[in-house]
């Protein structure tokens, strides 16, 4: 879930997920665009990426965001 904590509506937000292995090596990434998130509103999002053939317990995920408009 992402929340717009500003007092302004956003037209477009890019959300990116970076997947790292336990050694800190980037092994996968993906992104999505979320449109029309109002001021102080929240919305769910999904980021699709290829499946990995390793245990999820060994992964770290970092979510980045960028307001496009």
N, C-alpha and C. Protein backbone atom coordinates (compact mmCIF):
# COMPACT_ATOMS: atom_id res chain seq x y z
N UNK A 1 0.85 -1.17 0.00
CA UNK A 1 0.00 0.00 0.00
C UNK A 1 0.90 1.24 0.00
N UNK A 2 0.47 2.23 -0.75
CA UNK A 2 1.17 3.51 -0.79
C UNK A 2 0.19 4.59 -0.34
N UNK A 3 0.72 5.57 0.40
CA UNK A 3 -0.10 6.67 0.91
C UNK A 3 0.49 8.00 0.46
N UNK A 4 -0.35 8.86 -0.07
CA UNK A 4 0.04 10.22 -0.45
C UNK A 4 -0.13 11.10 0.79
N UNK A 5 0.99 11.42 1.45
CA UNK A 5 0.90 12.21 2.69
C UNK A 5 1.00 13.71 2.43
N UNK A 6 1.01 14.10 1.16
CA UNK A 6 1.05 15.52 0.84
C UNK A 6 -0.38 16.07 0.76
N UNK A 7 -0.50 17.35 0.73
CA UNK A 7 -1.80 17.99 0.62
C UNK A 7 -2.24 18.19 -0.81
N UNK A 8 -1.53 17.57 -1.77
CA UNK A 8 -1.86 17.76 -3.19
C UNK A 8 -2.15 16.41 -3.85
N UNK A 9 -3.09 16.40 -4.76
CA UNK A 9 -3.36 15.21 -5.56
C UNK A 9 -2.17 14.95 -6.47
N UNK A 10 -1.91 13.68 -6.76
CA UNK A 10 -0.89 13.33 -7.74
C UNK A 10 -1.57 12.63 -8.91
N UNK A 11 -1.12 12.94 -10.11
CA UNK A 11 -1.67 12.33 -11.30
C UNK A 11 -1.02 10.98 -11.58
N UNK A 12 0.29 10.88 -11.32
CA UNK A 12 1.01 9.67 -11.68
C UNK A 12 2.22 9.47 -10.76
N UNK A 13 2.33 8.26 -10.19
CA UNK A 13 3.46 7.89 -9.33
C UNK A 13 4.06 6.60 -9.86
N UNK A 14 5.39 6.57 -10.00
CA UNK A 14 6.09 5.35 -10.40
C UNK A 14 6.63 4.67 -9.15
N UNK A 15 6.26 3.40 -8.97
CA UNK A 15 6.74 2.60 -7.84
C UNK A 15 7.63 1.50 -8.39
N UNK A 16 8.83 1.37 -7.84
CA UNK A 16 9.79 0.36 -8.28
C UNK A 16 10.18 -0.52 -7.12
N UNK A 17 10.33 -1.81 -7.40
CA UNK A 17 10.79 -2.77 -6.39
C UNK A 17 12.13 -3.33 -6.83
N UNK A 18 13.09 -3.33 -5.92
CA UNK A 18 14.40 -3.92 -6.16
C UNK A 18 14.52 -5.12 -5.23
N UNK A 19 14.92 -6.27 -5.78
CA UNK A 19 15.06 -7.50 -5.01
C UNK A 19 16.54 -7.84 -4.90
N UNK A 20 17.02 -8.00 -3.66
CA UNK A 20 18.42 -8.30 -3.40
C UNK A 20 18.54 -9.66 -2.73
N UNK A 21 19.63 -10.39 -3.05
CA UNK A 21 19.89 -11.64 -2.34
C UNK A 21 20.54 -11.32 -1.00
N UNK A 22 20.84 -12.35 -0.21
CA UNK A 22 21.36 -12.12 1.15
C UNK A 22 22.75 -11.50 1.16
N UNK A 23 23.46 -11.53 0.02
CA UNK A 23 24.77 -10.87 -0.09
C UNK A 23 24.65 -9.43 -0.55
N UNK A 24 23.43 -8.98 -0.84
CA UNK A 24 23.20 -7.61 -1.28
C UNK A 24 23.27 -7.41 -2.78
N UNK A 25 23.35 -8.49 -3.54
CA UNK A 25 23.39 -8.40 -5.01
C UNK A 25 21.97 -8.24 -5.56
N UNK A 26 21.81 -7.26 -6.46
CA UNK A 26 20.51 -7.04 -7.11
C UNK A 26 20.24 -8.22 -8.04
N UNK A 27 19.10 -8.89 -7.84
CA UNK A 27 18.79 -10.07 -8.65
C UNK A 27 17.51 -9.92 -9.46
N UNK A 28 16.70 -8.91 -9.17
CA UNK A 28 15.46 -8.72 -9.92
C UNK A 28 14.93 -7.32 -9.63
N UNK A 29 14.13 -6.81 -10.55
CA UNK A 29 13.52 -5.48 -10.38
C UNK A 29 12.26 -5.40 -11.22
N UNK A 30 11.38 -4.52 -10.82
CA UNK A 30 10.15 -4.29 -11.57
C UNK A 30 9.57 -2.96 -11.15
N UNK A 31 8.59 -2.48 -11.92
CA UNK A 31 7.96 -1.21 -11.58
C UNK A 31 6.52 -1.20 -12.06
N UNK A 32 5.78 -0.24 -11.55
CA UNK A 32 4.39 -0.02 -11.95
C UNK A 32 4.08 1.46 -11.82
N UNK A 33 3.04 1.88 -12.49
CA UNK A 33 2.58 3.28 -12.41
C UNK A 33 1.23 3.28 -11.70
N UNK A 34 1.09 4.15 -10.72
CA UNK A 34 -0.17 4.33 -10.00
C UNK A 34 -0.71 5.70 -10.38
N UNK A 35 -1.92 5.73 -10.90
CA UNK A 35 -2.52 6.99 -11.38
C UNK A 35 -3.56 7.53 -10.40
N UNK A 36 -3.64 8.85 -10.33
CA UNK A 36 -4.69 9.58 -9.61
C UNK A 36 -4.80 9.20 -8.14
N UNK A 37 -3.75 9.47 -7.39
CA UNK A 37 -3.78 9.26 -5.94
C UNK A 37 -4.02 10.61 -5.28
N UNK A 38 -5.19 10.74 -4.67
CA UNK A 38 -5.58 12.01 -4.06
C UNK A 38 -4.78 12.34 -2.81
N UNK A 39 -4.84 13.59 -2.41
CA UNK A 39 -4.16 14.05 -1.20
C UNK A 39 -4.64 13.25 0.01
N UNK A 40 -3.70 12.77 0.80
CA UNK A 40 -3.96 12.01 2.03
C UNK A 40 -4.73 10.71 1.78
N UNK A 41 -4.66 10.18 0.57
CA UNK A 41 -5.33 8.93 0.22
C UNK A 41 -4.30 7.80 0.12
N UNK A 42 -4.78 6.57 0.23
CA UNK A 42 -3.94 5.37 0.10
C UNK A 42 -4.51 4.47 -0.98
N UNK A 43 -3.63 3.65 -1.56
CA UNK A 43 -4.08 2.69 -2.57
C UNK A 43 -3.11 1.51 -2.59
N UNK A 44 -3.64 0.34 -2.91
CA UNK A 44 -2.81 -0.85 -3.07
C UNK A 44 -2.15 -0.83 -4.44
N UNK A 45 -1.05 -1.56 -4.56
CA UNK A 45 -0.39 -1.68 -5.86
C UNK A 45 0.26 -3.06 -5.97
N UNK A 46 0.47 -3.49 -7.20
CA UNK A 46 1.16 -4.73 -7.51
C UNK A 46 2.30 -4.43 -8.46
N UNK A 47 3.42 -5.10 -8.23
CA UNK A 47 4.55 -5.03 -9.16
C UNK A 47 4.84 -6.47 -9.58
N UNK A 48 4.71 -6.73 -10.87
CA UNK A 48 4.94 -8.06 -11.39
C UNK A 48 6.36 -8.18 -11.94
N UNK A 49 6.99 -9.33 -11.65
CA UNK A 49 8.34 -9.61 -12.15
C UNK A 49 8.49 -11.11 -12.30
N UNK A 50 9.49 -11.56 -13.04
CA UNK A 50 9.68 -13.00 -13.22
C UNK A 50 9.90 -13.71 -11.88
N UNK A 51 9.44 -14.95 -11.81
CA UNK A 51 9.64 -15.75 -10.61
C UNK A 51 11.12 -16.06 -10.40
N UNK A 52 11.51 -16.14 -9.15
CA UNK A 52 12.88 -16.50 -8.79
C UNK A 52 12.89 -17.91 -8.21
N UNK A 53 13.91 -18.67 -8.53
CA UNK A 53 14.02 -20.04 -8.05
C UNK A 53 14.86 -20.10 -6.78
N UNK A 54 14.53 -19.25 -5.80
CA UNK A 54 15.23 -19.26 -4.51
C UNK A 54 14.20 -18.99 -3.41
N UNK A 55 14.59 -19.28 -2.19
CA UNK A 55 13.70 -19.07 -1.05
C UNK A 55 13.46 -17.58 -0.82
N UNK A 56 12.22 -17.23 -0.57
CA UNK A 56 11.89 -15.83 -0.29
C UNK A 56 12.49 -15.35 1.02
N UNK A 57 12.82 -16.27 1.91
CA UNK A 57 13.42 -15.89 3.19
C UNK A 57 14.80 -15.26 3.02
N UNK A 58 15.45 -15.54 1.90
CA UNK A 58 16.80 -15.04 1.66
C UNK A 58 16.84 -13.73 0.91
N UNK A 59 15.69 -13.08 0.73
CA UNK A 59 15.63 -11.88 -0.10
C UNK A 59 15.32 -10.63 0.72
N UNK A 60 15.83 -9.51 0.25
CA UNK A 60 15.49 -8.19 0.77
C UNK A 60 14.82 -7.41 -0.35
N UNK A 61 13.77 -6.65 -0.01
CA UNK A 61 13.03 -5.87 -1.00
C UNK A 61 13.13 -4.39 -0.63
N UNK A 62 13.42 -3.57 -1.62
CA UNK A 62 13.45 -2.12 -1.44
C UNK A 62 12.45 -1.51 -2.41
N UNK A 63 11.53 -0.69 -1.89
CA UNK A 63 10.53 -0.02 -2.72
C UNK A 63 10.92 1.45 -2.86
N UNK A 64 10.98 1.92 -4.10
CA UNK A 64 11.30 3.31 -4.40
C UNK A 64 10.09 3.95 -5.06
N UNK A 65 9.94 5.25 -4.91
CA UNK A 65 8.82 5.96 -5.54
C UNK A 65 9.30 7.25 -6.18
N UNK A 66 8.58 7.65 -7.22
CA UNK A 66 8.87 8.89 -7.93
C UNK A 66 7.56 9.49 -8.41
N UNK A 67 7.30 10.74 -8.05
CA UNK A 67 6.11 11.43 -8.53
C UNK A 67 6.40 11.91 -9.94
N UNK A 68 5.61 11.42 -10.90
CA UNK A 68 5.81 11.80 -12.30
C UNK A 68 5.02 13.05 -12.65
N UNK A 69 3.82 13.19 -12.07
CA UNK A 69 3.01 14.41 -12.29
C UNK A 69 1.90 14.47 -11.29
